[in-house]
Each structure stands twice: as C-alpha cells, then as structure tokens.
Protein backbone atom coordinates (compact mmCIF):
# COMPACT_ATOMS: atom_id res chain seq x y z
CA UNK A 1 85.53 96.62 87.10
CA UNK A 2 87.23 97.76 90.32
CA UNK A 3 85.52 100.68 92.03
CA UNK A 4 88.87 102.38 92.48
CA UNK A 5 89.44 102.11 88.74
CA UNK A 6 86.01 103.64 88.19
CA UNK A 7 86.96 106.46 90.57
CA UNK A 8 90.22 107.09 88.74
CA UNK A 9 88.45 107.16 85.37
CA UNK A 10 85.75 109.48 86.73
CA UNK A 11 88.28 111.91 88.23
CA UNK A 12 90.34 111.90 85.03
CA UNK A 13 87.19 112.48 82.94
CA UNK A 14 86.06 115.39 85.11
CA UNK A 15 89.52 116.96 84.96
CA UNK A 16 89.67 116.46 81.20
CA UNK A 17 86.26 118.08 80.63
CA UNK A 18 87.06 121.05 82.87
CA UNK A 19 90.48 121.65 81.35
CA UNK A 20 89.15 121.28 77.81
CA UNK A 21 86.37 123.79 78.44
CA UNK A 22 88.85 126.14 80.08
CA UNK A 23 91.26 125.99 77.13
CA UNK A 24 88.49 126.38 74.52
CA UNK A 25 86.96 129.26 76.47
CA UNK A 26 90.31 131.03 76.74
CA UNK A 27 90.84 130.79 72.95
CA UNK A 28 87.67 132.80 72.37
CA UNK A 29 88.86 135.63 74.61
CA UNK A 30 90.37 138.58 72.79
CA UNK A 31 93.90 139.75 73.42
CA UNK A 32 92.63 143.01 74.92
CA UNK A 33 90.72 141.17 77.65
CA UNK A 34 91.85 141.94 81.20
CA UNK A 35 91.48 139.08 83.75
CA UNK A 36 91.40 141.60 86.59
CA UNK A 37 88.11 142.97 85.29
CA UNK A 38 86.06 140.15 86.85
CA UNK A 39 83.36 141.95 88.85
CA UNK A 40 83.74 141.70 92.61
CA UNK A 41 80.18 140.50 92.98
CA UNK A 42 80.91 137.47 90.77
CA UNK A 43 83.96 136.58 92.83
CA UNK A 44 81.89 136.94 96.00
CA UNK A 45 79.06 134.76 94.67
CA UNK A 46 81.55 132.14 93.46
CA UNK A 47 83.09 132.01 96.91
CA UNK A 48 79.67 131.71 98.59
CA UNK A 49 78.61 128.87 96.29
CA UNK A 50 81.79 127.00 97.16
CA UNK A 51 81.37 127.57 100.89
CA UNK A 52 77.71 126.49 100.93
CA UNK A 53 78.45 123.36 98.90
CA UNK A 54 81.43 122.52 101.09
CA UNK A 55 79.19 122.66 104.17
CA UNK A 56 76.52 120.45 102.57
CA UNK A 57 79.12 117.97 101.32
CA UNK A 58 80.80 117.89 104.72
CA UNK A 59 77.49 117.14 106.44
CA UNK A 60 76.81 114.34 103.94
CA UNK A 61 80.23 112.79 104.58
CA UNK A 62 79.76 113.05 108.34
CA UNK A 63 76.31 111.45 108.07
CA UNK A 64 77.38 108.44 106.02
CA UNK A 65 80.53 107.99 108.12
CA UNK A 66 78.45 107.91 111.29
CA UNK A 67 76.07 105.41 109.66
CA UNK A 68 79.04 103.22 108.70
CA UNK A 69 80.45 103.36 112.23
CA UNK A 70 77.04 102.45 113.64
CA UNK A 71 76.84 99.49 111.25
CA UNK A 72 80.23 98.24 112.41
CA UNK A 73 79.14 98.61 116.04
CA UNK A 74 76.02 96.53 115.44
CA UNK A 75 78.11 93.72 113.94
CA UNK A 76 80.43 93.74 116.96
CA UNK A 77 77.47 93.80 119.35
CA UNK A 78 75.77 90.89 117.62
CA UNK A 79 78.93 88.79 117.52
CA UNK A 80 79.80 89.54 121.15
CA UNK A 81 76.29 88.72 122.36
CA UNK A 82 76.34 85.36 120.58
CA UNK A 83 79.79 84.64 122.00
CA UNK A 84 78.43 85.36 125.50
CA UNK A 85 75.54 82.97 124.90
CA UNK A 86 77.96 80.23 123.88
CA UNK A 87 80.28 80.91 126.83
CA UNK A 88 77.61 81.30 129.54
CA UNK A 89 75.94 78.05 128.53
CA UNK A 90 78.92 76.30 130.15
CA UNK A 91 77.05 76.04 133.46
CA UNK A 92 74.16 74.07 131.96
CA UNK A 93 74.01 70.30 131.38
CA UNK A 94 76.11 68.99 128.51
CA UNK A 95 73.23 68.10 126.15
CA UNK A 96 71.65 71.55 126.49
CA UNK A 97 75.00 73.34 126.33
CA UNK A 98 76.10 71.43 123.24
CA UNK A 99 72.80 72.09 121.48
CA UNK A 100 73.00 75.83 122.17
CA UNK A 101 76.60 76.06 121.02
CA UNK A 102 75.91 74.05 117.90
CA UNK A 103 72.98 76.26 116.94
CA UNK A 104 74.96 79.45 117.66
CA UNK A 105 77.79 78.20 115.42
CA UNK A 106 75.28 77.27 112.71
CA UNK A 107 73.84 80.78 112.83
CA UNK A 108 77.25 82.44 112.71
CA UNK A 109 78.40 80.21 109.85
CA UNK A 110 75.25 81.03 107.89
CA UNK A 111 75.58 84.77 108.52
CA UNK A 112 79.22 84.91 107.44
CA UNK A 113 79.03 82.67 104.37
CA UNK A 114 75.44 82.87 103.17
CA UNK A 115 73.62 85.92 104.51
CA UNK A 116 76.47 88.41 104.17
CA UNK A 117 76.67 88.19 100.33
CA UNK A 118 72.88 88.53 100.12
CA UNK A 119 72.98 91.54 102.44
CA UNK A 120 75.73 93.14 100.37
CA UNK A 121 73.93 92.56 97.08
CA UNK A 122 70.30 93.27 98.01
CA UNK A 123 70.59 95.41 101.13
CA UNK A 124 68.41 93.06 103.19
CA UNK A 125 68.68 90.06 105.50
CA UNK A 126 67.32 86.56 104.93
CA UNK A 127 64.49 84.73 106.63
CA UNK A 128 66.75 81.72 107.09
CA UNK A 129 69.06 83.76 109.31
CA UNK A 130 66.11 84.92 111.41
CA UNK A 131 64.94 81.33 111.78
CA UNK A 132 68.36 80.14 112.94
CA UNK A 133 68.56 82.89 115.56
CA UNK A 134 65.01 82.04 116.67
CA UNK A 135 66.16 78.46 117.20
CA UNK A 136 68.95 79.71 119.50
CA UNK A 137 66.34 81.66 121.49
CA UNK A 138 64.15 78.58 121.72
CA UNK A 139 67.08 76.48 122.96
CA UNK A 140 67.78 78.96 125.75
CA UNK A 141 64.20 79.62 126.85
CA UNK A 142 63.07 75.99 126.67
CA UNK A 143 65.45 74.90 129.40
CA UNK A 144 64.23 74.99 133.00
CA UNK A 145 67.04 75.61 135.51
CA UNK A 146 67.38 72.90 138.13
CA UNK A 147 69.02 74.88 140.94
CA UNK A 148 69.85 78.40 142.07
CA UNK A 149 73.21 78.38 140.29
CA UNK A 150 71.60 77.64 136.93
CA UNK A 151 68.78 80.12 137.64
CA UNK A 152 71.33 82.89 138.10
CA UNK A 153 72.73 82.23 134.63
CA UNK A 154 69.36 81.86 132.94
CA UNK A 155 68.31 85.52 132.72
CA UNK A 156 71.73 86.78 131.51
CA UNK A 157 71.57 84.19 128.71
CA UNK A 158 68.10 85.32 127.72
CA UNK A 159 69.30 88.95 127.76
CA UNK A 160 72.25 88.14 125.52
CA UNK A 161 70.00 86.43 122.98
CA UNK A 162 67.76 89.51 123.04
CA UNK A 163 70.83 91.71 122.50
CA UNK A 164 71.88 89.61 119.51
CA UNK A 165 68.38 89.85 118.05
CA UNK A 166 68.31 93.62 118.57
CA UNK A 167 71.73 93.96 116.91
CA UNK A 168 70.52 91.85 114.00
CA UNK A 169 67.57 94.21 113.50
CA UNK A 170 69.93 97.18 113.60
CA UNK A 171 72.14 95.45 111.02
CA UNK A 172 69.08 95.03 108.83
CA UNK A 173 68.36 98.76 109.05
CA UNK A 174 71.99 99.59 108.22
CA UNK A 175 72.15 97.23 105.25
CA UNK A 176 70.36 99.64 102.92
CA UNK A 177 71.61 103.01 101.67
CA UNK A 178 71.58 105.97 104.05
CA UNK A 179 71.00 109.04 101.89
CA UNK A 180 67.66 109.50 100.07
CA UNK A 181 67.56 110.25 96.36
CA UNK A 182 66.74 113.93 96.84
CA UNK A 183 69.98 114.41 98.79
CA UNK A 184 71.97 112.79 96.00
CA UNK A 185 70.24 115.06 93.52
CA UNK A 186 71.33 118.07 95.55
CA UNK A 187 74.91 116.82 95.92
CA UNK A 188 75.35 116.14 92.20
CA UNK A 189 73.69 119.36 91.05
CA UNK A 190 75.67 121.29 93.66
CA UNK A 191 78.90 119.74 92.42
CA UNK A 192 78.11 120.69 88.83
CA UNK A 193 77.26 124.23 89.89
CA UNK A 194 80.43 124.52 91.98
CA UNK A 195 82.55 123.45 89.02
CA UNK A 196 80.52 125.57 86.61
CA UNK A 197 80.98 128.80 88.55
CA UNK A 198 84.72 128.54 87.95
CA UNK A 199 84.06 129.53 84.36
CA UNK A 200 82.61 132.85 85.50
CA UNK A 201 86.15 133.70 86.54
CA UNK A 202 88.63 134.58 83.82
CA UNK A 203 90.84 131.53 84.09
CA UNK A 204 93.79 131.59 81.67
CA UNK A 205 95.87 128.77 80.24
CA UNK A 206 98.70 129.20 82.69
CA UNK A 207 99.92 126.01 84.33
CA UNK A 208 98.98 127.25 87.79
CA UNK A 209 95.39 128.07 86.86
CA UNK A 210 94.85 124.86 84.91
CA UNK A 211 96.29 122.73 87.71
CA UNK A 212 94.05 124.39 90.30
CA UNK A 213 90.97 123.97 88.12
CA UNK A 214 91.78 120.30 87.55
CA UNK A 215 92.54 119.61 91.22
CA UNK A 216 89.34 121.33 92.36
CA UNK A 217 87.15 119.33 89.99
CA UNK A 218 88.94 116.06 90.85
CA UNK A 219 88.48 116.76 94.56
CA UNK A 220 84.72 117.16 94.16
CA UNK A 221 84.56 113.92 92.17
CA UNK A 222 86.53 112.10 94.88
CA UNK A 223 84.39 113.44 97.73
CA UNK A 224 81.19 112.44 95.94
CA UNK A 225 82.65 108.97 95.43
CA UNK A 226 83.51 108.85 99.14
CA UNK A 227 79.92 109.68 100.09
CA UNK A 228 78.62 107.05 97.65
CA UNK A 229 81.02 104.42 98.99
CA UNK A 230 80.12 104.97 102.65
CA UNK A 231 76.40 105.27 101.87
CA UNK A 232 76.04 101.45 101.79
CA UNK A 233 78.14 100.16 104.73
CA UNK A 234 78.04 96.48 103.80
CA UNK A 235 78.33 96.42 100.02
CA UNK A 236 80.65 98.94 98.37
CA UNK A 237 84.36 99.65 98.01
CA UNK A 238 85.22 99.73 101.74
CA UNK A 239 82.50 97.51 103.24
CA UNK A 240 82.07 96.78 106.92
CA UNK A 241 83.27 93.19 107.20
CA UNK A 242 82.20 90.21 109.28
CA UNK A 243 85.54 90.20 111.11
CA UNK A 244 83.97 90.26 114.63
CA UNK A 245 82.18 86.99 113.87
CA UNK A 246 85.36 85.40 112.54
CA UNK A 247 87.40 86.64 115.49
CA UNK A 248 85.02 85.26 118.13
CA UNK A 249 84.05 82.14 116.19
CA UNK A 250 87.18 81.11 114.27
CA UNK A 251 86.68 78.47 111.58
CA UNK A 252 87.40 74.97 112.78
C-alpha cells in the first residue's frame, strides 16, 4: 500500500474520530450551557500545551531534515570521490588505469543495484560493497609511480579513495533511523494530548468549529508522518536516491 495512501487514511481517521467525539460530546451538553464559561486557566493551559508541543515537533522535524540532508551529502561526496579516482587514474599506465576504472564501476554498479535495496530494507550496508571498495584501494596503493609526474598524482588518488571510504561509513551511519524510541513515544503522546485538550474547550457543532478541529488534528497527523518519513533517509516515502552515482557513472 502506498505510504501517501496510508497518510490520507490516517488523516481521515483522525479527523473522523475527533469530529465524532466533538459531535457526541456536544449532544450531552444541556441547552442552558454557555460556551463563554470556559475558565481562563483552561484556555491558558490549552494554549501552553499547544505551544510546547509545537516547539518539540518543530525540533524533531528540523533534526530529521538535517539528518536527511547530511545523508544526501554523503552520497554526493562518495560518488564524487569515486569519479575523481576514475578520472585521475588517466595519468597512469593503461593496464593499471583500466583495472582501477573497472573496479570503480563494479563498485558503483553494485551499490546502485544491489546494496541500495538492502540498505533501504535493513538499514545497513553489505560486506560485499566494503570488499569491492577495498579492492579499489588495493589497486591504487599497489601501484608504484615511475616518475615525478605519476608521483604527484599518487597521493591525491589515495586521498580520494579515503574520502570515498569515509563517505561510505557516513552513509552506513545514516542508513538507520535517526530518532530513538523514547522521542517517538513523546511525540505520539504529545500529539494525543494536544488533540485531547481541545475537548476541554466547549466546541460546538458549528461548521467553523468542526472544520478547525478537523484541520488541527489532520495537521498533527501529517507532521508526525513527515517526521516518520524523514527519519529513515534511504528507505521511506521520499528516500534519498542514488542519483549522484547515476549522474557521474551513467549506465553504458
């Protein structure tokens, strides 16, 4: 089932529950009840609950968005470093250059078509990918430059392989979820409390009040979905893609 369909169903369900409770609650109120009699302290506490939860939710969204951006940066860094390795190997003898480029392309092909689905499903990288990158490192470090021109290109190549390896490790760290379970517990409980405090106010069955109650509850459901979606940068509804690899190493 599409995650956007799940979101739509969840938002509709939350709105339906809130509006149903509101209507049923209003039926039990006597005709002599005055909505303006809501104590000021309740209105103040309701406002404070909403403000505190909005701050916490905003921090959670900012945190997972930053984690997602960092994950995308690591993918670009890894792809660019491997592209530099392939390009800088031009100055070396043809057999060495061709071996390096072949192994780089094998690694990229494996990452895009084999490792990426595993990373999205399990939140971890594969040993096979690490072995292929290690082979690229071995190709570079095993060659002994023959002259000053080749020596000048040797260290930059080694540095680029190290940069690719570092970016791969960062991608491994970003593959798992960002927020711990206790934070999710707080976000969900806070959302329920924020919606629940609406019922301390004397909401009537007017169209304006029902629409606002429904929109408020749907907004909380959407924002929680947004946090959940960004919490796993490589696997959920809007995943960070392998586009940098495909752009720098187009399929032949």
